[in-house]
Amino acid sequence: MDGKSCCAPAGPGLALPETRLAPALARRASDALKSEIAAGLIALKGGFFDMGAAKGRYPDDMDSPRRRVFVSPFRLGRTVVTNRQWAAFAAESGYRSVAEREGWSFVFHLFLEDPLGYVEHPPQTPWWRAVAGANWAAPEGPGSDWREKPDHPAVHLSWFDAAAMAEYLGLTLPTEAEWEFAARGGLKQARFPWGNELVPASGHRHNTWQGEFPRLNSAEDGFIGTCPADHFPPNAYGFHNLTGNVWEWTATKFGPLPQGDGKLPPRDPQGPADGPGYVIRGGSYLCHVSYCERYQVHSRTHNTPDSSTGHMGMRLAG
């Protein structure tokens, strides 16, 4: 198993423009919502850092070798967008997510009362089931409700959805380089936001899979699905759960890591002009060393902008 398709199953491959903004989004965001979101943004001074890994596990990820990169000052959300925050945005703007419009999304099989009742799944990944009615408001399909987990990450969000919320608030999604700069928390060449040990002596520091994937999650970290967006301790920069919990969309299209001109490191790299999809970062509660070890600060993969799953979320930047 190469660990690629199992991480983030692609959506239906719709021929869509790179925006799904609803007409209602022509309205301006309220001062209350803008203030709440702005209060959760952490300002970083930027600077030079070593991006990528010395040697990546998955060659197709193109996450190695390391290279020196510079990022300018920016702000990034202390946590991913929560269910409560997305609900406030949706109610105020009138925006409907891609999963709501298309009428379905992918749900992990263990969260379904009768997985065999959902026969459609991506090739070679039967643990993902296409569930009619699954979306951010009903994350495990009909009968589930985001209100049961208001402080958990909003999921089933496509890149189009993430970009819509960012635009509505006058913000952006982080570039891939900004995301990794923040995730590293000032540590040099560490694997995780806190250091190099997957589980340090102090205990679990992020929400990933323990047990035998995809049949048994022992929940040694306390969770089978998502955890609250700020549950585990923050890194040195103050950010929670930049690895594990949910995949996070970036503004960067997938391609090789940024290259310098041979004299100076790349400055504020934006990524290629085109690519097979957008970079997603951080891994999720489904990541496990046996099949998808992408829960490290350098880990990367990508997905199409219309794709949504029960482990895909977003973090705002500005």
Protein backbone atom coordinates (compact mmCIF):
# COMPACT_ATOMS: atom_id res chain seq x y z
CA MET A 1 0.00 0.00 0.00
CA ASP A 2 1.61 3.29 -1.04
CA GLY A 3 -0.25 5.47 1.45
CA LYS A 4 -1.41 7.89 -1.22
CA SER A 5 -5.01 7.27 -2.20
CA CYS A 6 -6.01 6.28 1.32
CA CYS A 7 -5.14 9.69 2.76
CA ALA A 8 -7.64 11.85 0.94
CA PRO A 9 -10.03 10.34 -1.60
CA ALA A 10 -10.77 12.65 -4.48
CA GLY A 11 -14.17 14.05 -5.26
CA PRO A 12 -16.14 13.49 -8.46
CA GLY A 13 -13.71 15.51 -10.57
CA LEU A 14 -16.18 18.24 -11.44
CA ALA A 15 -15.22 20.75 -14.11
CA LEU A 16 -15.57 23.79 -11.86
CA PRO A 17 -14.04 27.25 -11.94
CA GLU A 18 -11.66 27.98 -9.09
CA THR A 19 -14.41 29.63 -7.09
CA ARG A 20 -17.70 28.40 -5.73
CA LEU A 21 -18.74 31.66 -4.10
CA ALA A 22 -22.50 31.92 -3.70
CA PRO A 23 -24.18 35.19 -4.72
CA ALA A 24 -24.94 35.88 -1.05
CA LEU A 25 -21.21 36.24 -0.43
CA ALA A 26 -21.32 39.62 -2.11
CA ARG A 27 -22.44 40.82 1.33
CA ARG A 28 -19.78 41.98 3.75
CA ALA A 29 -18.95 39.95 6.81
CA SER A 30 -20.29 41.33 10.07
CA ASP A 31 -17.90 43.12 12.40
CA ALA A 32 -18.71 40.57 15.10
CA LEU A 33 -17.66 37.58 13.00
CA LYS A 34 -14.58 39.34 11.65
CA SER A 35 -13.51 40.34 15.15
CA GLU A 36 -13.94 36.83 16.52
CA ILE A 37 -11.90 35.27 13.75
CA ALA A 38 -9.23 37.99 13.90
CA ALA A 39 -8.83 37.41 17.64
CA GLY A 40 -7.76 33.84 16.89
CA LEU A 41 -5.00 34.81 14.44
CA ILE A 42 -1.40 34.67 15.66
CA ALA A 43 1.06 37.11 14.09
CA LEU A 44 4.42 35.66 13.07
CA LYS A 45 7.50 37.63 12.09
CA GLY A 46 8.49 35.17 9.40
CA GLY A 47 12.08 34.52 8.42
CA PHE A 48 14.24 31.74 7.03
CA PHE A 49 13.63 28.06 7.74
CA ASP A 50 14.48 24.66 6.32
CA MET A 51 11.45 23.32 4.45
CA GLY A 52 10.90 19.64 3.68
CA ALA A 53 12.64 16.45 4.81
CA ALA A 54 16.15 15.11 4.33
CA LYS A 55 14.56 12.01 2.80
CA GLY A 56 10.83 11.51 2.23
CA ARG A 57 8.99 8.22 2.69
CA TYR A 58 6.75 8.63 -0.35
CA PRO A 59 8.62 9.74 -3.50
CA ASP A 60 5.45 11.02 -5.18
CA ASP A 61 5.05 13.54 -2.35
CA MET A 62 8.20 15.38 -3.47
CA ASP A 63 8.82 16.49 0.11
CA SER A 64 12.62 16.17 -0.02
CA PRO A 65 15.41 17.18 0.08
CA ARG A 66 15.32 20.08 2.51
CA ARG A 67 15.76 23.57 1.14
CA ARG A 68 16.14 27.02 2.70
CA VAL A 69 13.03 29.21 2.30
CA PHE A 70 12.06 32.70 3.46
CA VAL A 71 8.55 33.79 4.45
CA SER A 72 7.44 37.34 5.21
CA PRO A 73 5.37 38.26 8.30
CA PHE A 74 1.89 36.73 8.28
CA ARG A 75 -0.95 35.70 10.58
CA LEU A 76 -2.38 32.22 11.01
CA GLY A 77 -5.28 30.77 12.96
CA ARG A 78 -4.45 29.41 16.40
CA THR A 79 -6.72 26.49 15.52
CA VAL A 80 -8.54 25.17 12.50
CA VAL A 81 -12.01 26.57 11.86
CA THR A 82 -14.45 24.92 14.24
CA ASN A 83 -17.99 23.71 13.64
CA ARG A 84 -19.34 26.68 15.56
CA GLN A 85 -17.32 29.16 13.50
CA TRP A 86 -18.29 27.57 10.20
CA ALA A 87 -21.96 27.50 11.25
CA ALA A 88 -21.78 31.23 12.02
CA PHE A 89 -20.22 31.92 8.63
CA ALA A 90 -22.77 29.78 6.78
CA ALA A 91 -25.71 31.37 8.59
CA GLU A 92 -24.48 34.89 8.00
CA SER A 93 -23.35 34.52 4.38
CA GLY A 94 -25.83 31.99 3.04
CA TYR A 95 -22.98 29.91 1.65
CA ARG A 96 -23.64 26.23 0.98
CA SER A 97 -20.69 23.85 0.85
CA VAL A 98 -19.87 21.64 -2.11
CA ALA A 99 -21.00 18.56 -0.14
CA GLU A 100 -24.35 20.24 0.56
CA ARG A 101 -24.82 21.15 -3.09
CA GLU A 102 -23.71 17.78 -4.42
CA GLY A 103 -25.70 15.91 -1.76
CA TRP A 104 -22.97 13.60 -0.43
CA SER A 105 -19.47 13.26 0.96
CA PHE A 106 -17.04 10.56 2.11
CA VAL A 107 -17.44 9.16 5.64
CA PHE A 108 -15.05 6.73 7.35
CA HIS A 109 -16.68 3.30 7.60
CA LEU A 110 -16.36 2.86 11.38
CA PHE A 111 -18.61 5.88 11.92
CA LEU A 112 -21.50 4.29 10.04
CA GLU A 113 -24.03 2.09 11.80
CA ASP A 114 -24.29 -0.11 8.70
CA PRO A 115 -21.25 0.36 6.43
CA LEU A 116 -22.50 -2.35 4.09
CA GLY A 117 -25.51 -0.16 3.35
CA TYR A 118 -23.18 2.25 1.52
CA VAL A 119 -21.70 0.42 -1.43
CA GLU A 120 -19.92 3.26 -3.25
CA HIS A 121 -16.30 3.84 -2.29
CA PRO A 122 -13.09 4.96 -3.99
CA PRO A 123 -10.96 2.27 -5.68
CA GLN A 124 -8.86 0.24 -3.21
CA THR A 125 -10.12 2.27 -0.22
CA PRO A 126 -13.31 0.57 1.01
CA TRP A 127 -13.00 2.32 4.38
CA TRP A 128 -14.30 5.49 2.72
CA ARG A 129 -18.00 5.34 1.89
CA ALA A 130 -19.97 7.84 -0.17
CA VAL A 131 -22.83 8.85 2.11
CA ALA A 132 -25.84 10.82 0.89
CA GLY A 133 -26.54 13.72 3.20
CA ALA A 134 -23.08 13.83 4.77
CA ASN A 135 -21.68 17.36 5.08
CA TRP A 136 -20.27 19.71 7.71
CA ALA A 137 -23.63 19.94 9.50
CA ALA A 138 -24.10 16.14 9.53
CA PRO A 139 -20.48 14.93 9.61
CA GLU A 140 -21.32 11.23 9.94
CA GLY A 141 -24.34 11.37 7.67
CA PRO A 142 -28.07 11.76 8.39
CA GLY A 143 -28.81 11.65 12.11
CA SER A 144 -25.48 13.20 13.17
CA ASP A 145 -25.26 16.87 14.12
CA TRP A 146 -22.37 19.33 14.36
CA ARG A 147 -23.92 20.78 17.52
CA GLU A 148 -22.78 17.70 19.40
CA LYS A 149 -19.17 18.82 18.75
CA PRO A 150 -19.20 22.61 18.35
CA ASP A 151 -15.52 22.99 19.25
CA HIS A 152 -14.31 20.24 16.90
CA PRO A 153 -12.96 21.04 13.42
CA ALA A 154 -15.51 21.69 10.72
CA VAL A 155 -15.05 18.85 8.21
CA HIS A 156 -16.33 17.87 4.78
CA LEU A 157 -14.91 21.17 3.54
CA SER A 158 -13.57 21.34 0.00
CA TRP A 159 -10.92 23.80 -1.14
CA PHE A 160 -13.71 25.81 -2.76
CA ASP A 161 -15.43 26.02 0.63
CA ALA A 162 -12.25 27.03 2.44
CA ALA A 163 -11.50 29.71 -0.14
CA ALA A 164 -15.06 31.02 0.12
CA MET A 165 -14.87 31.55 3.88
CA ALA A 166 -11.44 33.16 3.60
CA GLU A 167 -12.62 35.58 0.90
CA TYR A 168 -15.77 36.46 2.83
CA LEU A 169 -13.68 37.48 5.84
CA GLY A 170 -11.05 39.32 3.82
CA LEU A 171 -8.47 36.67 4.69
CA THR A 172 -6.63 33.92 2.82
CA LEU A 173 -5.54 30.33 3.16
CA PRO A 174 -1.89 29.88 4.16
CA THR A 175 0.64 29.07 1.52
CA GLU A 176 2.33 25.73 1.98
CA ALA A 177 5.53 27.46 3.09
CA GLU A 178 3.68 29.59 5.66
CA TRP A 179 1.94 26.50 7.01
CA GLU A 180 5.19 24.60 7.52
CA PHE A 181 6.95 27.62 9.04
CA ALA A 182 4.17 27.86 11.63
CA ALA A 183 4.03 24.10 12.24
CA ARG A 184 7.73 23.89 13.01
CA GLY A 185 7.37 26.42 15.81
CA GLY A 186 10.98 27.54 15.49
CA LEU A 187 12.42 24.04 15.87
CA LYS A 188 15.08 23.08 13.35
CA GLN A 189 14.64 19.84 11.40
CA ALA A 190 12.26 18.33 13.97
CA ARG A 191 9.66 15.80 12.84
CA PHE A 192 6.78 17.20 14.88
CA PRO A 193 5.71 20.60 16.23
CA TRP A 194 7.12 19.60 19.66
CA GLY A 195 10.25 17.63 18.70
CA ASN A 196 11.19 14.24 17.29
CA GLU A 197 9.32 11.73 19.47
CA LEU A 198 5.93 10.62 18.15
CA VAL A 199 4.73 10.10 21.73
CA PRO A 200 6.94 12.01 24.19
CA ALA A 201 7.16 11.10 27.86
CA SER A 202 4.46 13.65 28.64
CA GLY A 203 1.96 11.70 26.53
CA HIS A 204 0.23 12.04 23.18
CA ARG A 205 0.53 15.45 21.57
CA HIS A 206 -1.75 15.03 18.57
CA ASN A 207 -4.70 12.98 17.35
CA THR A 208 -3.73 10.12 15.04
CA TRP A 209 -4.59 6.42 14.65
CA GLN A 210 -3.44 3.80 17.14
CA GLY A 211 -4.15 0.13 16.56
CA GLU A 212 -4.70 -1.77 13.34
CA PHE A 213 -5.81 0.36 10.41
CA PRO A 214 -8.54 0.39 9.18
CA ARG A 215 -10.40 -2.00 11.49
CA LEU A 216 -9.39 -1.15 15.07
CA ASN A 217 -8.53 2.19 16.62
CA SER A 218 -7.51 1.67 20.24
CA ALA A 219 -7.92 5.42 20.88
CA GLU A 220 -4.87 5.59 23.13
CA ASP A 221 -4.77 9.33 22.47
CA GLY A 222 -8.37 9.63 23.68
CA PHE A 223 -10.13 9.90 20.33
CA ILE A 224 -11.41 7.74 17.50
CA GLY A 225 -12.56 10.61 15.28
CA THR A 226 -11.82 14.31 15.57
CA CYS A 227 -10.86 15.98 18.82
CA PRO A 228 -11.56 19.57 19.91
CA ALA A 229 -9.55 22.01 17.83
CA ASP A 230 -7.45 23.14 20.81
CA HIS A 231 -7.32 19.89 22.78
CA PHE A 232 -3.60 19.12 22.70
CA PRO A 233 -0.89 21.56 23.89
CA PRO A 234 0.18 24.21 21.36
CA ASN A 235 3.61 24.40 19.79
CA ALA A 236 6.09 27.13 20.72
CA TYR A 237 4.34 29.61 18.41
CA GLY A 238 0.94 28.96 20.01
CA PHE A 239 -0.69 26.81 17.33
CA HIS A 240 -2.79 23.75 18.14
CA ASN A 241 -2.97 20.50 16.17
CA LEU A 242 -0.99 21.45 13.11
CA THR A 243 -0.39 17.72 12.77
CA GLY A 244 -3.08 15.10 13.23
CA ASN A 245 -6.83 15.67 13.69
CA VAL A 246 -7.74 16.94 10.19
CA TRP A 247 -6.01 17.67 6.93
CA GLU A 248 -5.72 21.38 6.20
CA TRP A 249 -6.06 23.05 2.80
CA THR A 250 -3.41 25.49 1.61
CA ALA A 251 -3.40 28.11 -1.13
CA THR A 252 -0.60 26.27 -2.96
CA LYS A 253 -1.07 24.01 -5.95
CA PHE A 254 0.83 20.74 -5.80
CA GLY A 255 4.22 20.44 -7.42
CA PRO A 256 7.89 20.25 -6.42
CA LEU A 257 8.94 22.14 -3.31
CA PRO A 258 10.19 25.69 -4.03
CA GLN A 259 13.59 26.07 -5.64
CA GLY A 260 16.00 28.97 -5.28
CA ASP A 261 17.89 30.62 -8.12
CA GLY A 262 21.19 29.14 -6.97
CA LYS A 263 22.17 32.32 -5.14
CA LEU A 264 19.26 33.22 -2.86
CA PRO A 265 16.63 31.03 -1.17
CA PRO A 266 13.10 31.36 -2.57
CA ARG A 267 11.14 34.18 -0.94
CA ASP A 268 7.43 33.73 -0.16
CA PRO A 269 6.99 30.86 -2.66
CA GLN A 270 3.48 30.60 -4.08
CA GLY A 271 3.88 27.24 -5.77
CA PRO A 272 3.30 26.27 -9.41
CA ALA A 273 0.71 28.00 -11.58
CA ASP A 274 -0.96 24.66 -12.26
CA GLY A 275 -1.06 21.21 -10.75
CA PRO A 276 -3.21 18.14 -10.04
CA GLY A 277 -4.82 19.79 -7.02
CA TYR A 278 -4.06 21.83 -3.93
CA VAL A 279 -1.56 20.86 -1.25
CA ILE A 280 -3.04 19.59 2.00
CA ARG A 281 -0.96 19.46 5.15
CA GLY A 282 -0.84 17.95 8.61
CA GLY A 283 -2.35 14.50 8.30
CA SER A 284 -5.42 13.47 10.28
CA TYR A 285 -6.89 11.19 12.92
CA LEU A 286 -6.57 8.37 10.38
CA CYS A 287 -2.81 8.61 9.84
CA HIS A 288 -0.77 5.61 10.99
CA VAL A 289 2.78 4.44 10.32
CA SER A 290 1.47 1.24 8.70
CA TYR A 291 -0.15 2.98 5.75
CA CYS A 292 0.04 6.79 5.72
CA GLU A 293 2.80 8.33 7.79
CA ARG A 294 1.92 11.88 6.87
CA TYR A 295 1.50 13.36 10.34
CA GLN A 296 4.89 15.12 10.39
CA VAL A 297 5.57 18.82 9.83
CA HIS A 298 7.13 18.21 6.41
CA SER A 299 4.42 15.79 5.20
CA ARG A 300 2.36 16.78 2.19
CA THR A 301 -0.08 15.41 -0.33
CA HIS A 302 -2.81 16.95 -2.47
CA ASN A 303 -6.42 16.69 -3.51
CA THR A 304 -8.77 18.15 -6.09
CA PRO A 305 -10.52 21.38 -5.03
CA ASP A 306 -14.02 19.85 -5.08
CA SER A 307 -13.09 16.96 -2.75
CA SER A 308 -14.54 16.71 0.75
CA THR A 309 -14.19 14.06 3.43
CA GLY A 310 -14.79 13.58 7.13
CA HIS A 311 -11.14 14.41 7.88
CA MET A 312 -10.67 17.53 5.75
CA GLY A 313 -10.72 21.00 7.33
CA MET A 314 -9.16 24.45 7.06
CA ARG A 315 -7.13 27.10 8.89
CA LEU A 316 -7.35 30.78 8.03
CA ALA A 317 -4.44 33.12 7.36
CA GLY A 318 -4.13 36.82 6.69
